[in-house]
N, C-alpha and C. Protein backbone atom coordinates (compact mmCIF):
# COMPACT_ATOMS: atom_id res chain seq x y z
N MET A 1 43.71 -131.09 -146.69
CA MET A 1 43.58 -132.42 -147.32
C MET A 1 42.69 -133.31 -146.44
N ASP A 2 41.85 -134.04 -147.12
CA ASP A 2 40.92 -134.94 -146.39
C ASP A 2 41.68 -136.16 -145.89
N ARG A 3 41.38 -136.52 -144.65
CA ARG A 3 42.08 -137.70 -144.07
C ARG A 3 41.36 -138.99 -144.38
N ILE A 4 40.20 -138.89 -144.98
CA ILE A 4 39.38 -140.07 -145.31
C ILE A 4 39.41 -140.32 -146.80
N SER A 5 39.47 -141.55 -147.21
CA SER A 5 39.51 -141.90 -148.60
C SER A 5 38.22 -141.48 -149.30
N PRO A 6 38.27 -141.22 -150.60
CA PRO A 6 37.04 -140.78 -151.29
C PRO A 6 35.91 -141.84 -151.19
N GLN A 7 36.26 -143.11 -151.19
CA GLN A 7 35.25 -144.16 -151.03
C GLN A 7 34.59 -144.13 -149.66
N ARG A 8 35.41 -143.93 -148.65
CA ARG A 8 34.86 -143.84 -147.28
C ARG A 8 34.04 -142.58 -147.10
N ARG A 9 34.45 -141.48 -147.67
CA ARG A 9 33.70 -140.23 -147.57
C ARG A 9 32.34 -140.40 -148.29
N SER A 10 32.34 -141.04 -149.44
CA SER A 10 31.09 -141.27 -150.17
C SER A 10 30.18 -142.14 -149.33
N TRP A 11 30.70 -143.18 -148.67
CA TRP A 11 29.89 -144.05 -147.82
C TRP A 11 29.30 -143.22 -146.65
N ASN A 12 30.15 -142.41 -146.01
CA ASN A 12 29.67 -141.55 -144.87
C ASN A 12 28.51 -140.69 -145.35
N MET A 13 28.72 -140.01 -146.47
CA MET A 13 27.69 -139.07 -146.95
C MET A 13 26.42 -139.76 -147.34
N SER A 14 26.52 -141.02 -147.79
CA SER A 14 25.33 -141.77 -148.19
C SER A 14 24.45 -142.12 -147.00
N ARG A 15 25.03 -142.08 -145.82
CA ARG A 15 24.29 -142.39 -144.60
C ARG A 15 23.53 -141.24 -144.02
N ILE A 16 23.71 -140.04 -144.55
CA ILE A 16 22.98 -138.87 -144.08
C ILE A 16 21.61 -138.91 -144.70
N ARG A 17 20.59 -138.96 -143.86
CA ARG A 17 19.24 -139.13 -144.34
C ARG A 17 18.54 -137.80 -144.51
N ALA A 18 17.57 -137.78 -145.41
CA ALA A 18 16.76 -136.59 -145.63
C ALA A 18 15.43 -136.68 -144.87
N LYS A 19 14.96 -137.90 -144.62
CA LYS A 19 13.70 -138.15 -143.94
C LYS A 19 13.95 -138.96 -142.66
N ASP A 20 13.05 -138.78 -141.70
CA ASP A 20 13.04 -139.57 -140.47
C ASP A 20 14.35 -139.42 -139.69
N THR A 21 14.87 -138.20 -139.66
CA THR A 21 16.10 -137.94 -138.91
C THR A 21 15.73 -137.96 -137.41
N ALA A 22 16.69 -138.07 -136.56
CA ALA A 22 16.44 -138.07 -135.11
C ALA A 22 15.72 -136.79 -134.69
N PRO A 23 16.19 -135.57 -135.08
CA PRO A 23 15.44 -134.37 -134.64
C PRO A 23 14.00 -134.36 -135.16
N GLU A 24 13.80 -134.83 -136.38
CA GLU A 24 12.44 -134.85 -136.92
C GLU A 24 11.54 -135.79 -136.12
N LEU A 25 12.08 -136.96 -135.74
CA LEU A 25 11.28 -137.90 -134.93
C LEU A 25 10.92 -137.35 -133.58
N ILE A 26 11.85 -136.58 -132.99
CA ILE A 26 11.60 -135.96 -131.69
C ILE A 26 10.45 -134.94 -131.82
N VAL A 27 10.49 -134.10 -132.85
CA VAL A 27 9.45 -133.10 -133.09
C VAL A 27 8.12 -133.80 -133.33
N ARG A 28 8.09 -134.84 -134.13
CA ARG A 28 6.88 -135.53 -134.43
C ARG A 28 6.27 -136.18 -133.17
N ARG A 29 7.12 -136.75 -132.33
CA ARG A 29 6.60 -137.36 -131.07
C ARG A 29 5.98 -136.28 -130.18
N GLU A 30 6.65 -135.12 -130.08
CA GLU A 30 6.14 -134.06 -129.23
C GLU A 30 4.79 -133.51 -129.78
N LEU A 31 4.71 -133.35 -131.08
CA LEU A 31 3.44 -132.86 -131.67
C LEU A 31 2.34 -133.90 -131.42
N HIS A 32 2.64 -135.14 -131.62
CA HIS A 32 1.64 -136.18 -131.37
C HIS A 32 1.20 -136.23 -129.94
N ARG A 33 2.18 -136.09 -129.00
CA ARG A 33 1.89 -136.08 -127.57
C ARG A 33 0.95 -134.94 -127.20
N ARG A 34 1.07 -133.81 -127.93
CA ARG A 34 0.22 -132.63 -127.68
C ARG A 34 -1.12 -132.74 -128.40
N GLY A 35 -1.38 -133.86 -129.08
CA GLY A 35 -2.69 -134.08 -129.68
C GLY A 35 -2.83 -133.61 -131.10
N PHE A 36 -1.73 -133.20 -131.74
CA PHE A 36 -1.79 -132.77 -133.11
C PHE A 36 -1.59 -133.95 -134.07
N ARG A 37 -2.39 -133.93 -135.13
CA ARG A 37 -2.26 -134.97 -136.16
C ARG A 37 -1.70 -134.26 -137.39
N PHE A 38 -0.91 -134.95 -138.14
CA PHE A 38 -0.18 -134.28 -139.25
C PHE A 38 0.10 -135.28 -140.37
N ARG A 39 0.56 -134.74 -141.45
CA ARG A 39 1.01 -135.54 -142.60
C ARG A 39 2.50 -135.31 -142.73
N LEU A 40 3.16 -136.27 -143.36
CA LEU A 40 4.62 -136.19 -143.51
C LEU A 40 4.98 -136.07 -144.98
N HIS A 41 5.97 -135.18 -145.25
CA HIS A 41 6.64 -135.12 -146.54
C HIS A 41 5.70 -135.06 -147.72
N ARG A 42 4.76 -134.15 -147.69
CA ARG A 42 3.80 -134.02 -148.82
C ARG A 42 4.53 -133.53 -150.06
N ARG A 43 4.61 -134.39 -151.03
CA ARG A 43 5.36 -134.09 -152.23
C ARG A 43 4.64 -133.08 -153.13
N ASP A 44 3.32 -132.86 -152.88
CA ASP A 44 2.59 -131.90 -153.69
C ASP A 44 2.79 -130.45 -153.23
N LEU A 45 3.51 -130.26 -152.15
CA LEU A 45 3.83 -128.92 -151.63
C LEU A 45 5.29 -128.58 -151.96
N PRO A 46 5.57 -127.32 -152.22
CA PRO A 46 6.96 -126.93 -152.53
C PRO A 46 7.89 -127.31 -151.36
N GLY A 47 9.03 -127.88 -151.71
CA GLY A 47 10.04 -128.23 -150.70
C GLY A 47 9.75 -129.52 -149.95
N CYS A 48 8.60 -130.15 -150.19
CA CYS A 48 8.23 -131.39 -149.52
C CYS A 48 8.46 -131.26 -147.98
N PRO A 49 7.63 -130.43 -147.36
CA PRO A 49 7.84 -130.14 -145.93
C PRO A 49 7.84 -131.41 -145.05
N ASP A 50 8.65 -131.37 -144.00
CA ASP A 50 8.79 -132.51 -143.13
C ASP A 50 7.45 -132.85 -142.41
N ILE A 51 6.80 -131.81 -141.93
CA ILE A 51 5.54 -132.00 -141.17
C ILE A 51 4.50 -131.02 -141.70
N VAL A 52 3.30 -131.53 -142.02
CA VAL A 52 2.24 -130.68 -142.52
C VAL A 52 1.04 -130.82 -141.60
N LEU A 53 0.53 -129.70 -141.11
CA LEU A 53 -0.68 -129.67 -140.33
C LEU A 53 -1.79 -129.10 -141.20
N PRO A 54 -2.43 -129.92 -142.02
CA PRO A 54 -3.38 -129.40 -143.02
C PRO A 54 -4.54 -128.64 -142.42
N LYS A 55 -5.01 -129.09 -141.27
CA LYS A 55 -6.17 -128.45 -140.62
C LYS A 55 -5.84 -126.98 -140.26
N HIS A 56 -4.60 -126.73 -139.92
CA HIS A 56 -4.16 -125.38 -139.52
C HIS A 56 -3.43 -124.63 -140.60
N ARG A 57 -3.26 -125.25 -141.79
CA ARG A 57 -2.55 -124.68 -142.92
C ARG A 57 -1.15 -124.26 -142.48
N GLN A 58 -0.46 -125.15 -141.73
CA GLN A 58 0.88 -124.88 -141.26
C GLN A 58 1.84 -126.01 -141.74
N VAL A 59 3.03 -125.62 -142.05
CA VAL A 59 4.10 -126.61 -142.37
C VAL A 59 5.27 -126.32 -141.45
N ILE A 60 5.96 -127.42 -141.13
CA ILE A 60 7.14 -127.31 -140.30
C ILE A 60 8.30 -128.04 -140.99
N PHE A 61 9.40 -127.31 -141.15
CA PHE A 61 10.63 -127.92 -141.63
C PHE A 61 11.53 -128.15 -140.41
N VAL A 62 12.07 -129.33 -140.28
CA VAL A 62 13.04 -129.63 -139.21
C VAL A 62 14.39 -129.62 -139.88
N ASN A 63 15.11 -128.55 -139.74
CA ASN A 63 16.35 -128.31 -140.48
C ASN A 63 17.58 -128.64 -139.63
N GLY A 64 18.52 -129.30 -140.28
CA GLY A 64 19.83 -129.53 -139.67
C GLY A 64 20.60 -128.23 -139.64
N CYS A 65 21.20 -127.87 -138.54
CA CYS A 65 21.94 -126.63 -138.39
C CYS A 65 23.13 -126.56 -139.36
N PHE A 66 23.82 -127.65 -139.59
CA PHE A 66 24.96 -127.68 -140.51
C PHE A 66 24.54 -127.41 -141.94
N TRP A 67 23.58 -128.21 -142.43
CA TRP A 67 23.22 -128.12 -143.84
C TRP A 67 22.46 -126.86 -144.22
N HIS A 68 21.62 -126.38 -143.31
CA HIS A 68 20.78 -125.20 -143.60
C HIS A 68 21.26 -123.91 -143.00
N ARG A 69 22.46 -123.94 -142.35
CA ARG A 69 23.19 -122.76 -141.89
C ARG A 69 22.43 -121.97 -140.83
N HIS A 70 22.23 -122.58 -139.72
CA HIS A 70 21.59 -121.92 -138.57
C HIS A 70 22.51 -120.82 -138.04
N ASP A 71 22.07 -119.55 -138.19
CA ASP A 71 22.88 -118.42 -137.77
C ASP A 71 23.21 -118.49 -136.28
N GLY A 72 24.48 -118.31 -135.96
CA GLY A 72 24.92 -118.28 -134.58
C GLY A 72 25.04 -119.62 -133.89
N CYS A 73 24.82 -120.70 -134.59
CA CYS A 73 24.83 -122.02 -134.00
C CYS A 73 26.24 -122.65 -134.21
N SER A 74 26.72 -123.28 -133.17
CA SER A 74 28.06 -123.93 -133.27
C SER A 74 28.02 -125.12 -134.18
N LEU A 75 26.89 -125.65 -134.47
CA LEU A 75 26.80 -126.83 -135.36
C LEU A 75 26.91 -126.42 -136.83
N ALA A 76 26.86 -125.13 -137.10
CA ALA A 76 26.89 -124.61 -138.48
C ALA A 76 28.29 -124.22 -138.90
N ALA A 77 29.28 -124.89 -138.39
CA ALA A 77 30.68 -124.61 -138.75
C ALA A 77 30.97 -124.99 -140.20
N ILE A 78 31.89 -124.28 -140.80
CA ILE A 78 32.29 -124.58 -142.18
C ILE A 78 33.50 -125.50 -142.15
N PRO A 79 33.43 -126.56 -142.94
CA PRO A 79 34.60 -127.46 -142.97
C PRO A 79 35.87 -126.76 -143.39
N LYS A 80 36.95 -127.17 -142.91
CA LYS A 80 38.25 -126.52 -143.17
C LYS A 80 38.79 -126.83 -144.58
N SER A 81 38.45 -127.96 -145.08
CA SER A 81 38.93 -128.32 -146.42
C SER A 81 37.89 -127.96 -147.49
N ASN A 82 38.36 -127.57 -148.68
CA ASN A 82 37.54 -127.29 -149.78
C ASN A 82 36.43 -126.25 -149.47
N GLN A 83 36.82 -125.16 -148.83
CA GLN A 83 35.85 -124.18 -148.34
C GLN A 83 35.05 -123.53 -149.45
N ALA A 84 35.65 -123.32 -150.62
CA ALA A 84 34.93 -122.67 -151.72
C ALA A 84 33.70 -123.53 -152.13
N PHE A 85 33.95 -124.85 -152.21
CA PHE A 85 32.87 -125.78 -152.54
C PHE A 85 31.75 -125.70 -151.53
N TRP A 86 32.10 -125.73 -150.24
CA TRP A 86 31.11 -125.73 -149.18
C TRP A 86 30.35 -124.42 -149.12
N GLN A 87 31.03 -123.32 -149.31
CA GLN A 87 30.37 -122.01 -149.28
C GLN A 87 29.30 -121.94 -150.37
N GLU A 88 29.66 -122.42 -151.60
CA GLU A 88 28.70 -122.38 -152.68
C GLU A 88 27.52 -123.33 -152.41
N LYS A 89 27.79 -124.50 -151.90
CA LYS A 89 26.77 -125.49 -151.59
C LYS A 89 25.80 -124.94 -150.52
N PHE A 90 26.35 -124.34 -149.47
CA PHE A 90 25.50 -123.79 -148.42
C PHE A 90 24.67 -122.63 -148.92
N GLN A 91 25.28 -121.79 -149.76
CA GLN A 91 24.57 -120.62 -150.28
C GLN A 91 23.36 -121.06 -151.11
N LYS A 92 23.56 -122.11 -151.95
CA LYS A 92 22.45 -122.62 -152.75
C LYS A 92 21.35 -123.22 -151.89
N THR A 93 21.75 -123.86 -150.80
CA THR A 93 20.76 -124.45 -149.91
C THR A 93 19.92 -123.37 -149.24
N VAL A 94 20.55 -122.32 -148.77
CA VAL A 94 19.84 -121.21 -148.10
C VAL A 94 18.93 -120.49 -149.10
N GLU A 95 19.39 -120.28 -150.31
CA GLU A 95 18.56 -119.62 -151.33
C GLU A 95 17.35 -120.49 -151.66
N ARG A 96 17.57 -121.82 -151.80
CA ARG A 96 16.43 -122.73 -152.07
C ARG A 96 15.45 -122.71 -150.93
N ASP A 97 15.95 -122.69 -149.68
CA ASP A 97 15.05 -122.59 -148.57
C ASP A 97 14.15 -121.36 -148.61
N LYS A 98 14.78 -120.23 -148.94
CA LYS A 98 14.05 -118.93 -149.01
C LYS A 98 12.96 -119.01 -150.10
N ARG A 99 13.34 -119.58 -151.25
CA ARG A 99 12.38 -119.70 -152.36
C ARG A 99 11.18 -120.59 -151.94
N THR A 100 11.49 -121.70 -151.32
CA THR A 100 10.48 -122.64 -150.91
C THR A 100 9.53 -121.99 -149.88
N ARG A 101 10.08 -121.25 -148.91
CA ARG A 101 9.23 -120.61 -147.90
C ARG A 101 8.30 -119.58 -148.57
N LYS A 102 8.83 -118.85 -149.50
CA LYS A 102 8.04 -117.82 -150.21
C LYS A 102 6.92 -118.50 -151.02
N GLN A 103 7.22 -119.58 -151.69
CA GLN A 103 6.20 -120.27 -152.49
C GLN A 103 5.08 -120.78 -151.57
N LEU A 104 5.44 -121.34 -150.42
CA LEU A 104 4.44 -121.84 -149.51
C LEU A 104 3.60 -120.71 -148.93
N LYS A 105 4.23 -119.60 -148.54
CA LYS A 105 3.49 -118.47 -147.99
C LYS A 105 2.57 -117.86 -149.07
N ASP A 106 3.02 -117.78 -150.31
CA ASP A 106 2.18 -117.32 -151.36
C ASP A 106 0.98 -118.21 -151.61
N ALA A 107 1.09 -119.49 -151.27
CA ALA A 107 0.00 -120.45 -151.43
C ALA A 107 -0.91 -120.46 -150.20
N GLY A 108 -0.61 -119.62 -149.21
CA GLY A 108 -1.48 -119.54 -148.06
C GLY A 108 -1.08 -120.39 -146.85
N TRP A 109 0.11 -120.93 -146.89
CA TRP A 109 0.57 -121.73 -145.76
C TRP A 109 1.39 -120.93 -144.80
N SER A 110 1.29 -121.26 -143.54
CA SER A 110 2.18 -120.68 -142.50
C SER A 110 3.36 -121.58 -142.38
N VAL A 111 4.60 -120.98 -142.54
CA VAL A 111 5.82 -121.81 -142.58
C VAL A 111 6.65 -121.61 -141.31
N HIS A 112 7.09 -122.69 -140.74
CA HIS A 112 7.87 -122.66 -139.52
C HIS A 112 9.11 -123.53 -139.68
N VAL A 113 10.16 -123.16 -139.01
CA VAL A 113 11.42 -123.97 -139.00
C VAL A 113 11.78 -124.30 -137.59
N VAL A 114 12.01 -125.58 -137.34
CA VAL A 114 12.54 -126.05 -136.06
C VAL A 114 13.98 -126.51 -136.34
N TRP A 115 14.91 -125.89 -135.65
CA TRP A 115 16.33 -126.25 -135.89
C TRP A 115 16.72 -127.44 -135.06
N GLU A 116 17.68 -128.19 -135.61
CA GLU A 116 18.19 -129.40 -134.98
C GLU A 116 18.59 -129.17 -133.55
N CYS A 117 19.27 -128.05 -133.25
CA CYS A 117 19.74 -127.78 -131.89
C CYS A 117 18.56 -127.51 -130.92
N ASP A 118 17.44 -127.00 -131.45
CA ASP A 118 16.25 -126.78 -130.62
C ASP A 118 15.54 -128.10 -130.35
N ALA A 119 15.55 -128.98 -131.36
CA ALA A 119 14.82 -130.21 -131.25
C ALA A 119 15.42 -131.16 -130.21
N VAL A 120 16.74 -131.16 -130.06
CA VAL A 120 17.38 -132.08 -129.15
C VAL A 120 17.29 -131.65 -127.68
N GLU A 121 16.98 -130.40 -127.44
CA GLU A 121 16.79 -129.93 -126.03
C GLU A 121 15.28 -129.80 -125.79
N SER A 122 14.80 -130.60 -124.90
CA SER A 122 13.33 -130.72 -124.71
C SER A 122 12.71 -129.40 -124.26
N GLU A 123 13.35 -128.62 -123.42
CA GLU A 123 12.81 -127.34 -122.98
C GLU A 123 12.66 -126.36 -124.12
N ARG A 124 13.75 -126.24 -124.90
CA ARG A 124 13.72 -125.31 -126.04
C ARG A 124 12.70 -125.76 -127.05
N LEU A 125 12.60 -127.09 -127.29
CA LEU A 125 11.64 -127.60 -128.25
C LEU A 125 10.24 -127.26 -127.78
N GLY A 126 9.94 -127.46 -126.50
CA GLY A 126 8.61 -127.11 -125.97
C GLY A 126 8.30 -125.65 -126.19
N THR A 127 9.21 -124.76 -125.96
CA THR A 127 9.02 -123.35 -126.18
C THR A 127 8.78 -123.03 -127.67
N VAL A 128 9.59 -123.60 -128.51
CA VAL A 128 9.45 -123.34 -129.97
C VAL A 128 8.10 -123.86 -130.48
N LEU A 129 7.74 -125.06 -130.05
CA LEU A 129 6.45 -125.65 -130.57
C LEU A 129 5.28 -124.86 -130.02
N SER A 130 5.39 -124.41 -128.76
CA SER A 130 4.30 -123.62 -128.18
C SER A 130 4.06 -122.33 -128.96
N SER A 131 5.14 -121.68 -129.37
CA SER A 131 5.01 -120.44 -130.11
C SER A 131 4.43 -120.71 -131.51
N ILE A 132 4.81 -121.83 -132.11
CA ILE A 132 4.28 -122.16 -133.43
C ILE A 132 2.79 -122.50 -133.35
N LEU A 133 2.43 -123.30 -132.38
CA LEU A 133 1.06 -123.81 -132.31
C LEU A 133 0.05 -122.79 -131.78
N LYS A 134 0.50 -121.72 -131.20
CA LYS A 134 -0.42 -120.67 -130.75
C LYS A 134 -0.99 -119.89 -131.90
N ARG A 135 -0.27 -119.86 -133.01
CA ARG A 135 -0.67 -119.07 -134.16
C ARG A 135 -1.95 -119.60 -134.82
């Protein structure tokens, strides 16, 4: 049973942003610091990628570990209440992510994912971005 009222839960969920999240801002700052220029949330591309490097034909999704189910990450825990609902919701999100990546690859884009847990640790973020940008 949920300890929070439905109204309070609705308010909490309404505060979860899709754009300009803290991990996304960290990744954008690091890319800019390294001299890369990019576009944000291009709606003409499948999935509206968080970061688009048009010159390099690369897109970067900055995914939250909880919502996008980062394998092996402690942040990707399943809530204890209403597990059937959450399982279905997470499964649909993962399937949508796969479809989106395939559509972008078929259109000639190189697709990369930076996970929330990587973005908040500067050393790991540097390693991840270096491997992405070498391509």
